[in-house]
N, C-alpha and C. Protein backbone atom coordinates (compact mmCIF):
# COMPACT_ATOMS: atom_id res chain seq x y z
N MET A 1 -24.59 172.24 165.79
CA MET A 1 -24.24 172.21 164.38
C MET A 1 -25.15 173.19 163.62
N ALA A 2 -24.56 173.99 162.77
CA ALA A 2 -25.34 174.92 161.97
C ALA A 2 -26.27 174.14 161.05
N LEU A 3 -27.49 174.60 160.93
CA LEU A 3 -28.51 173.92 160.15
C LEU A 3 -28.37 174.27 158.68
N GLU A 4 -28.22 173.24 157.83
CA GLU A 4 -28.14 173.45 156.38
C GLU A 4 -29.54 173.68 155.84
N LEU A 5 -29.73 174.80 155.15
CA LEU A 5 -31.03 175.13 154.58
C LEU A 5 -31.03 174.98 153.07
N THR A 6 -32.22 174.76 152.52
CA THR A 6 -32.42 174.74 151.08
C THR A 6 -33.54 175.72 150.76
N GLU A 7 -33.77 175.92 149.48
CA GLU A 7 -34.88 176.79 149.10
C GLU A 7 -36.21 176.23 149.61
N ALA A 8 -36.28 174.92 149.76
CA ALA A 8 -37.52 174.28 150.23
C ALA A 8 -37.74 174.48 151.74
N THR A 9 -36.67 174.62 152.51
CA THR A 9 -36.81 174.73 153.97
C THR A 9 -36.62 176.16 154.49
N PHE A 10 -36.19 177.06 153.64
CA PHE A 10 -35.84 178.42 154.06
C PHE A 10 -37.00 179.15 154.74
N GLU A 11 -38.14 179.17 154.10
CA GLU A 11 -39.28 179.93 154.65
C GLU A 11 -39.67 179.40 156.03
N GLU A 12 -39.81 178.09 156.15
CA GLU A 12 -40.23 177.49 157.42
C GLU A 12 -39.23 177.77 158.54
N LYS A 13 -37.95 177.58 158.26
CA LYS A 13 -36.92 177.69 159.30
C LYS A 13 -36.51 179.13 159.60
N VAL A 14 -36.52 180.02 158.60
CA VAL A 14 -36.03 181.39 158.79
C VAL A 14 -37.16 182.39 158.94
N LEU A 15 -38.04 182.44 157.96
CA LEU A 15 -39.06 183.48 157.94
C LEU A 15 -40.14 183.27 159.00
N LYS A 16 -40.34 182.03 159.43
CA LYS A 16 -41.36 181.74 160.44
C LYS A 16 -40.75 181.46 161.82
N SER A 17 -39.47 181.71 161.98
CA SER A 17 -38.79 181.40 163.24
C SER A 17 -39.23 182.34 164.36
N GLU A 18 -39.38 181.77 165.54
CA GLU A 18 -39.72 182.55 166.73
C GLU A 18 -38.49 183.23 167.33
N VAL A 19 -37.30 182.77 166.96
CA VAL A 19 -36.05 183.32 167.50
C VAL A 19 -35.25 183.96 166.35
N PRO A 20 -34.30 184.84 166.69
CA PRO A 20 -33.45 185.42 165.63
C PRO A 20 -32.71 184.31 164.88
N VAL A 21 -32.44 184.56 163.60
CA VAL A 21 -31.77 183.58 162.75
C VAL A 21 -30.59 184.24 162.03
N ILE A 22 -29.45 183.57 162.05
CA ILE A 22 -28.31 183.97 161.23
C ILE A 22 -28.29 183.03 160.03
N VAL A 23 -28.17 183.61 158.83
CA VAL A 23 -28.05 182.81 157.62
C VAL A 23 -26.68 183.11 157.00
N ASP A 24 -25.82 182.10 156.98
CA ASP A 24 -24.49 182.20 156.38
C ASP A 24 -24.59 181.69 154.95
N LEU A 25 -24.47 182.61 153.99
CA LEU A 25 -24.51 182.23 152.58
C LEU A 25 -23.08 181.97 152.12
N TRP A 26 -22.84 180.77 151.60
CA TRP A 26 -21.48 180.32 151.32
C TRP A 26 -21.46 179.43 150.08
N ALA A 27 -20.23 179.04 149.68
CA ALA A 27 -20.05 178.06 148.60
C ALA A 27 -18.80 177.23 148.92
N GLU A 28 -18.80 176.01 148.43
CA GLU A 28 -17.71 175.07 148.69
C GLU A 28 -16.35 175.60 148.21
N TRP A 29 -16.32 176.32 147.11
CA TRP A 29 -15.08 176.80 146.50
C TRP A 29 -14.56 178.09 147.13
N CYS A 30 -15.29 178.66 148.06
CA CYS A 30 -14.97 179.97 148.65
C CYS A 30 -14.08 179.83 149.89
N GLY A 31 -12.83 180.28 149.78
CA GLY A 31 -11.88 180.20 150.89
C GLY A 31 -12.35 180.94 152.14
N PRO A 32 -12.71 182.22 152.04
CA PRO A 32 -13.18 182.96 153.22
C PRO A 32 -14.42 182.32 153.86
N CYS A 33 -15.25 181.68 153.04
CA CYS A 33 -16.44 180.99 153.58
C CYS A 33 -16.02 179.88 154.53
N LYS A 34 -14.96 179.18 154.16
CA LYS A 34 -14.48 178.07 155.00
C LYS A 34 -13.95 178.57 156.33
N MET A 35 -13.48 179.81 156.35
CA MET A 35 -13.00 180.40 157.61
C MET A 35 -14.17 180.63 158.57
N LEU A 36 -15.35 180.88 158.05
CA LEU A 36 -16.53 181.12 158.89
C LEU A 36 -17.16 179.84 159.43
N THR A 37 -16.93 178.72 158.78
CA THR A 37 -17.59 177.48 159.17
C THR A 37 -17.38 177.12 160.65
N PRO A 38 -16.14 177.10 161.17
CA PRO A 38 -15.99 176.75 162.60
C PRO A 38 -16.63 177.79 163.53
N ILE A 39 -16.66 179.05 163.11
CA ILE A 39 -17.28 180.10 163.91
C ILE A 39 -18.79 179.84 164.01
N MET A 40 -19.41 179.50 162.89
CA MET A 40 -20.85 179.24 162.87
C MET A 40 -21.17 178.00 163.71
N GLU A 41 -20.29 177.01 163.67
CA GLU A 41 -20.52 175.80 164.47
C GLU A 41 -20.48 176.14 165.96
N GLU A 42 -19.50 176.94 166.37
CA GLU A 42 -19.39 177.36 167.78
C GLU A 42 -20.62 178.15 168.20
N LEU A 43 -21.03 179.10 167.36
CA LEU A 43 -22.19 179.93 167.69
C LEU A 43 -23.47 179.09 167.79
N SER A 44 -23.59 178.07 166.94
CA SER A 44 -24.80 177.25 166.98
C SER A 44 -24.91 176.52 168.32
N THR A 45 -23.78 176.16 168.90
CA THR A 45 -23.79 175.52 170.21
C THR A 45 -24.05 176.55 171.31
N GLU A 46 -23.36 177.68 171.24
CA GLU A 46 -23.47 178.70 172.28
C GLU A 46 -24.86 179.35 172.35
N TYR A 47 -25.53 179.46 171.21
CA TYR A 47 -26.83 180.14 171.17
C TYR A 47 -27.99 179.17 171.02
N GLU A 48 -27.74 177.89 171.25
CA GLU A 48 -28.80 176.89 171.12
C GLU A 48 -29.99 177.25 172.00
N GLY A 49 -31.19 177.26 171.39
CA GLY A 49 -32.39 177.61 172.12
C GLY A 49 -32.69 179.11 172.15
N LYS A 50 -31.68 179.94 171.85
CA LYS A 50 -31.87 181.40 171.85
C LYS A 50 -31.90 181.97 170.45
N ALA A 51 -31.18 181.33 169.53
CA ALA A 51 -31.11 181.78 168.14
C ALA A 51 -30.82 180.56 167.27
N LEU A 52 -31.09 180.71 165.98
CA LEU A 52 -30.86 179.63 165.03
C LEU A 52 -29.73 180.04 164.09
N ILE A 53 -28.71 179.20 163.99
CA ILE A 53 -27.57 179.46 163.12
C ILE A 53 -27.69 178.52 161.93
N THR A 54 -27.75 179.12 160.72
CA THR A 54 -28.00 178.32 159.53
C THR A 54 -26.99 178.63 158.43
N LYS A 55 -26.92 177.73 157.45
CA LYS A 55 -26.04 177.90 156.30
C LYS A 55 -26.82 177.62 155.02
N VAL A 56 -26.52 178.38 153.97
CA VAL A 56 -27.14 178.15 152.67
C VAL A 56 -26.03 178.12 151.62
N ASP A 57 -25.92 177.00 150.91
CA ASP A 57 -24.97 176.86 149.81
C ASP A 57 -25.58 177.59 148.60
N VAL A 58 -24.96 178.68 148.19
CA VAL A 58 -25.53 179.51 147.12
C VAL A 58 -25.49 178.82 145.76
N ASP A 59 -24.56 177.88 145.58
CA ASP A 59 -24.52 177.15 144.30
C ASP A 59 -25.71 176.22 144.17
N SER A 60 -26.13 175.61 145.26
CA SER A 60 -27.27 174.69 145.24
C SER A 60 -28.60 175.41 145.40
N ASN A 61 -28.57 176.63 145.96
CA ASN A 61 -29.80 177.38 146.26
C ASN A 61 -29.68 178.83 145.79
N PRO A 62 -29.52 179.03 144.48
CA PRO A 62 -29.29 180.39 143.97
C PRO A 62 -30.47 181.34 144.17
N GLY A 63 -31.67 180.80 144.32
CA GLY A 63 -32.85 181.65 144.49
C GLY A 63 -32.80 182.48 145.76
N ILE A 64 -32.24 181.91 146.83
CA ILE A 64 -32.16 182.63 148.11
C ILE A 64 -31.19 183.80 147.97
N ALA A 65 -30.03 183.54 147.38
CA ALA A 65 -29.04 184.61 147.17
C ALA A 65 -29.63 185.72 146.30
N ALA A 66 -30.34 185.34 145.26
CA ALA A 66 -30.94 186.33 144.36
C ALA A 66 -32.00 187.15 145.08
N LYS A 67 -32.84 186.49 145.85
CA LYS A 67 -33.93 187.18 146.55
C LYS A 67 -33.41 188.27 147.48
N TYR A 68 -32.26 188.01 148.14
CA TYR A 68 -31.72 188.96 149.10
C TYR A 68 -30.57 189.79 148.55
N GLY A 69 -30.37 189.75 147.23
CA GLY A 69 -29.37 190.60 146.58
C GLY A 69 -27.94 190.30 146.99
N VAL A 70 -27.66 189.04 147.28
CA VAL A 70 -26.30 188.66 147.70
C VAL A 70 -25.43 188.52 146.46
N ARG A 71 -24.40 189.36 146.39
CA ARG A 71 -23.49 189.34 145.24
C ARG A 71 -22.11 188.83 145.61
N ASN A 72 -21.78 188.89 146.89
CA ASN A 72 -20.47 188.43 147.37
C ASN A 72 -20.68 187.45 148.50
N ILE A 73 -19.79 186.48 148.59
CA ILE A 73 -19.85 185.53 149.69
C ILE A 73 -18.48 185.47 150.35
N PRO A 74 -18.42 185.17 151.63
CA PRO A 74 -19.56 184.90 152.47
C PRO A 74 -20.36 186.16 152.81
N THR A 75 -21.65 186.00 152.89
CA THR A 75 -22.55 187.04 153.40
C THR A 75 -23.34 186.43 154.54
N VAL A 76 -23.42 187.16 155.64
CA VAL A 76 -24.20 186.71 156.79
C VAL A 76 -25.39 187.65 156.91
N LEU A 77 -26.59 187.08 156.85
CA LEU A 77 -27.82 187.84 157.02
C LEU A 77 -28.39 187.55 158.40
N TYR A 78 -28.87 188.59 159.05
CA TYR A 78 -29.47 188.48 160.38
C TYR A 78 -30.97 188.72 160.24
N PHE A 79 -31.77 187.73 160.62
CA PHE A 79 -33.22 187.82 160.52
C PHE A 79 -33.84 187.89 161.90
N LYS A 80 -34.87 188.72 162.02
CA LYS A 80 -35.70 188.75 163.22
C LYS A 80 -37.12 189.02 162.76
N GLY A 81 -38.05 188.20 163.22
CA GLY A 81 -39.44 188.36 162.81
C GLY A 81 -39.65 188.19 161.32
N GLY A 82 -38.83 187.36 160.69
CA GLY A 82 -38.97 187.10 159.25
C GLY A 82 -38.39 188.15 158.34
N GLU A 83 -37.73 189.17 158.91
CA GLU A 83 -37.16 190.27 158.12
C GLU A 83 -35.66 190.34 158.31
N VAL A 84 -34.94 190.75 157.25
CA VAL A 84 -33.50 190.99 157.38
C VAL A 84 -33.32 192.28 158.16
N VAL A 85 -32.61 192.21 159.27
CA VAL A 85 -32.39 193.40 160.10
C VAL A 85 -30.93 193.83 160.12
N ASP A 86 -30.04 192.99 159.61
CA ASP A 86 -28.63 193.34 159.54
C ASP A 86 -27.94 192.42 158.54
N LYS A 87 -26.73 192.81 158.13
CA LYS A 87 -26.00 192.06 157.11
C LYS A 87 -24.51 192.31 157.26
N GLN A 88 -23.71 191.28 157.04
CA GLN A 88 -22.25 191.43 157.00
C GLN A 88 -21.73 190.70 155.78
N VAL A 89 -20.77 191.32 155.10
CA VAL A 89 -20.16 190.69 153.93
C VAL A 89 -18.70 190.45 154.23
N GLY A 90 -18.24 189.25 153.89
CA GLY A 90 -16.84 188.89 154.11
C GLY A 90 -16.66 188.11 155.40
N ALA A 91 -15.47 187.54 155.54
CA ALA A 91 -15.15 186.78 156.75
C ALA A 91 -14.90 187.78 157.88
N VAL A 92 -15.64 187.66 158.95
CA VAL A 92 -15.53 188.57 160.08
C VAL A 92 -15.26 187.76 161.35
N PRO A 93 -14.67 188.38 162.36
CA PRO A 93 -14.39 187.66 163.60
C PRO A 93 -15.67 187.23 164.33
N LYS A 94 -15.54 186.16 165.09
CA LYS A 94 -16.67 185.62 165.86
C LYS A 94 -17.29 186.69 166.75
N ALA A 95 -16.46 187.51 167.38
CA ALA A 95 -16.96 188.54 168.29
C ALA A 95 -17.92 189.50 167.59
N LYS A 96 -17.64 189.84 166.33
CA LYS A 96 -18.50 190.75 165.57
C LYS A 96 -19.87 190.12 165.32
N ILE A 97 -19.86 188.85 164.96
CA ILE A 97 -21.11 188.15 164.69
C ILE A 97 -21.92 188.02 165.98
N ALA A 98 -21.25 187.63 167.06
CA ALA A 98 -21.92 187.47 168.36
C ALA A 98 -22.50 188.80 168.84
N GLU A 99 -21.76 189.89 168.61
CA GLU A 99 -22.23 191.22 169.02
C GLU A 99 -23.54 191.58 168.32
N LYS A 100 -23.58 191.35 167.01
CA LYS A 100 -24.80 191.66 166.25
C LYS A 100 -25.95 190.73 166.66
N LEU A 101 -25.62 189.47 166.92
CA LEU A 101 -26.65 188.53 167.33
C LEU A 101 -27.19 188.88 168.71
N ASP A 102 -26.31 189.24 169.64
CA ASP A 102 -26.74 189.63 170.97
C ASP A 102 -27.71 190.81 170.93
N ALA A 103 -27.50 191.73 169.99
CA ALA A 103 -28.37 192.89 169.86
C ALA A 103 -29.79 192.50 169.45
N LEU A 104 -29.94 191.31 168.87
CA LEU A 104 -31.26 190.86 168.43
C LEU A 104 -32.00 190.04 169.48
N LEU A 105 -31.29 189.64 170.52
CA LEU A 105 -31.90 188.77 171.54
C LEU A 105 -32.73 189.58 172.53
């Protein structure tokens, strides 16, 4: 299951992570965001122990979206070593996300 993050848990779980982290920035009202939800759930199972798959509700945690300049959702940020190393905007196929994640492993 993708880990739900808040502004309070973001630094600990993402910036201090020993493994690559995907952060899916989404909102409840966003149709394309809902298309990504099952993909993120599958990836969280497939990459368990190798990478961390997370979600951030931008309505509840606007500071994270602001910090990383997220203007459109869904946006997927790829973190490695506490830094953003890649980014995708919009609903994208699972294969594209897995390809980018594999490059970080």
